Amino acid sequence: AIDYLLLAHGHGCQDFEGMCCFNLSSHSTSIQANIQKLQGLVKDIKVDKSLDWVNDL
């Protein structure tokens, strides 16, 4: 609630270190949807320490 009051009195996120802000009226993709998308994109990442990947090019 403190962050809302500060913002309501003209202070922006840039005025306070560590303050995280978001636009409540935004119609953009939700944070949860973005997290799920990222999880889907990274689930198949693998570490290959050998040079066998060169042969696959």
N, C-alpha and C. Protein backbone atom coordinates (compact mmCIF):
# COMPACT_ATOMS: atom_id res chain seq x y z
N ALA A 1 0.81 -1.19 0.00
CA ALA A 1 0.00 0.00 0.00
C ALA A 1 0.86 1.26 0.00
N ILE A 2 2.03 1.17 0.62
CA ILE A 2 2.92 2.33 0.67
C ILE A 2 3.33 2.74 -0.74
N ASP A 3 3.66 1.76 -1.56
CA ASP A 3 4.08 2.09 -2.93
C ASP A 3 2.97 2.78 -3.70
N TYR A 4 1.73 2.36 -3.49
CA TYR A 4 0.60 3.00 -4.16
C TYR A 4 0.47 4.46 -3.72
N LEU A 5 0.60 4.71 -2.43
CA LEU A 5 0.49 6.08 -1.92
C LEU A 5 1.61 6.97 -2.47
N LEU A 6 2.82 6.43 -2.52
CA LEU A 6 3.94 7.21 -3.07
C LEU A 6 3.69 7.54 -4.53
N LEU A 7 3.23 6.56 -5.29
CA LEU A 7 2.96 6.78 -6.71
C LEU A 7 1.80 7.76 -6.89
N ALA A 8 0.80 7.68 -6.02
CA ALA A 8 -0.34 8.58 -6.10
C ALA A 8 0.05 10.03 -5.85
N HIS A 9 1.16 10.23 -5.15
CA HIS A 9 1.63 11.58 -4.85
C HIS A 9 2.73 12.02 -5.80
N GLY A 10 2.83 11.36 -6.95
CA GLY A 10 3.73 11.82 -8.00
C GLY A 10 5.13 11.25 -7.97
N HIS A 11 5.41 10.31 -7.09
CA HIS A 11 6.73 9.69 -7.07
C HIS A 11 6.70 8.46 -7.97
N GLY A 12 7.69 8.32 -8.83
CA GLY A 12 7.75 7.19 -9.73
C GLY A 12 8.65 6.09 -9.21
N CYS A 13 8.65 4.97 -9.89
CA CYS A 13 9.49 3.84 -9.50
C CYS A 13 10.96 4.21 -9.47
N GLN A 14 11.36 5.08 -10.39
CA GLN A 14 12.76 5.47 -10.48
C GLN A 14 13.22 6.25 -9.25
N ASP A 15 12.29 6.75 -8.45
CA ASP A 15 12.64 7.53 -7.25
C ASP A 15 13.04 6.64 -6.07
N PHE A 16 12.75 5.35 -6.14
CA PHE A 16 12.98 4.47 -5.00
C PHE A 16 13.70 3.20 -5.45
N GLU A 17 14.90 3.01 -4.93
CA GLU A 17 15.68 1.82 -5.27
C GLU A 17 14.98 0.57 -4.76
N GLY A 18 14.90 -0.44 -5.59
CA GLY A 18 14.29 -1.71 -5.21
C GLY A 18 12.78 -1.75 -5.34
N MET A 19 12.17 -0.67 -5.76
CA MET A 19 10.71 -0.64 -5.90
C MET A 19 10.32 -1.22 -7.25
N CYS A 20 9.40 -2.15 -7.24
CA CYS A 20 8.93 -2.79 -8.46
C CYS A 20 7.55 -2.25 -8.78
N CYS A 21 7.37 -1.76 -9.99
CA CYS A 21 6.08 -1.18 -10.38
C CYS A 21 5.50 -1.90 -11.59
N PHE A 22 4.20 -1.84 -11.70
CA PHE A 22 3.53 -2.39 -12.87
C PHE A 22 2.29 -1.56 -13.14
N ASN A 23 1.83 -1.65 -14.37
CA ASN A 23 0.68 -0.87 -14.80
C ASN A 23 -0.58 -1.72 -14.61
N LEU A 24 -1.44 -1.33 -13.67
CA LEU A 24 -2.65 -2.10 -13.39
C LEU A 24 -3.67 -2.04 -14.52
N SER A 25 -3.60 -1.02 -15.36
CA SER A 25 -4.56 -0.91 -16.45
C SER A 25 -4.01 -1.47 -17.76
N SER A 26 -2.85 -2.06 -17.71
CA SER A 26 -2.23 -2.61 -18.91
C SER A 26 -3.01 -3.84 -19.39
N HIS A 27 -3.12 -3.97 -20.69
CA HIS A 27 -3.78 -5.14 -21.27
C HIS A 27 -2.76 -6.10 -21.88
N SER A 28 -1.51 -5.95 -21.48
CA SER A 28 -0.46 -6.82 -22.00
C SER A 28 -0.56 -8.20 -21.35
N THR A 29 0.27 -9.10 -21.82
CA THR A 29 0.28 -10.46 -21.32
C THR A 29 0.61 -10.47 -19.82
N SER A 30 -0.05 -11.33 -19.09
CA SER A 30 0.17 -11.39 -17.64
C SER A 30 1.56 -11.93 -17.33
N ILE A 31 2.05 -11.60 -16.16
CA ILE A 31 3.36 -12.08 -15.72
C ILE A 31 3.35 -13.60 -15.68
N GLN A 32 2.29 -14.20 -15.16
CA GLN A 32 2.21 -15.66 -15.08
C GLN A 32 2.27 -16.29 -16.47
N ALA A 33 1.61 -15.71 -17.44
CA ALA A 33 1.66 -16.23 -18.81
C ALA A 33 3.07 -16.13 -19.37
N ASN A 34 3.77 -15.04 -19.08
CA ASN A 34 5.15 -14.89 -19.54
C ASN A 34 6.07 -15.91 -18.89
N ILE A 35 5.87 -16.17 -17.60
CA ILE A 35 6.68 -17.17 -16.90
C ILE A 35 6.45 -18.55 -17.52
N GLN A 36 5.20 -18.90 -17.78
CA GLN A 36 4.90 -20.19 -18.39
C GLN A 36 5.53 -20.31 -19.78
N LYS A 37 5.50 -19.23 -20.55
CA LYS A 37 6.11 -19.24 -21.87
C LYS A 37 7.61 -19.47 -21.77
N LEU A 38 8.26 -18.77 -20.84
CA LEU A 38 9.70 -18.94 -20.65
C LEU A 38 10.03 -20.36 -20.21
N GLN A 39 9.24 -20.92 -19.31
CA GLN A 39 9.47 -22.29 -18.86
C GLN A 39 9.35 -23.27 -20.03
N GLY A 40 8.41 -23.04 -20.91
CA GLY A 40 8.26 -23.89 -22.08
C GLY A 40 9.44 -23.79 -23.03
N LEU A 41 9.98 -22.59 -23.17
CA LEU A 41 11.10 -22.38 -24.07
C LEU A 41 12.40 -22.98 -23.55
N VAL A 42 12.58 -23.01 -22.24
CA VAL A 42 13.85 -23.46 -21.68
C VAL A 42 13.84 -24.91 -21.22
N LYS A 43 12.70 -25.58 -21.26
CA LYS A 43 12.63 -26.94 -20.72
C LYS A 43 13.51 -27.93 -21.48
N ASP A 44 13.78 -27.66 -22.74
CA ASP A 44 14.57 -28.60 -23.54
C ASP A 44 16.03 -28.19 -23.68
N ILE A 45 16.47 -27.21 -22.92
CA ILE A 45 17.88 -26.80 -22.99
C ILE A 45 18.73 -27.89 -22.35
N LYS A 46 19.78 -28.27 -23.04
CA LYS A 46 20.68 -29.31 -22.54
C LYS A 46 22.11 -28.80 -22.58
N VAL A 47 22.95 -29.34 -21.70
CA VAL A 47 24.36 -29.00 -21.68
C VAL A 47 25.11 -30.14 -22.34
N ASP A 48 25.89 -29.83 -23.36
CA ASP A 48 26.69 -30.82 -24.06
C ASP A 48 28.13 -30.36 -24.01
N LYS A 49 28.94 -31.06 -23.21
CA LYS A 49 30.33 -30.64 -23.02
C LYS A 49 31.26 -31.22 -24.09
N SER A 50 30.76 -32.09 -24.92
CA SER A 50 31.59 -32.65 -25.98
C SER A 50 31.47 -31.80 -27.24
N LEU A 51 32.27 -32.12 -28.23
CA LEU A 51 32.22 -31.40 -29.50
C LEU A 51 31.36 -32.12 -30.53
N ASP A 52 30.56 -33.09 -30.10
CA ASP A 52 29.71 -33.84 -31.02
C ASP A 52 28.70 -32.95 -31.72
N TRP A 53 28.34 -31.83 -31.13
CA TRP A 53 27.35 -30.93 -31.73
C TRP A 53 27.86 -30.35 -33.04
N VAL A 54 29.19 -30.30 -33.23
CA VAL A 54 29.76 -29.76 -34.46
C VAL A 54 29.35 -30.62 -35.65
N ASN A 55 29.30 -31.92 -35.45
CA ASN A 55 28.92 -32.84 -36.52
C ASN A 55 27.46 -32.68 -36.92
N ASP A 56 26.65 -32.14 -36.04
CA ASP A 56 25.22 -31.96 -36.33
C ASP A 56 24.93 -30.71 -37.15
N LEU A 57 25.93 -29.87 -37.38
CA LEU A 57 25.70 -28.62 -38.13
C LEU A 57 25.49 -28.86 -39.58
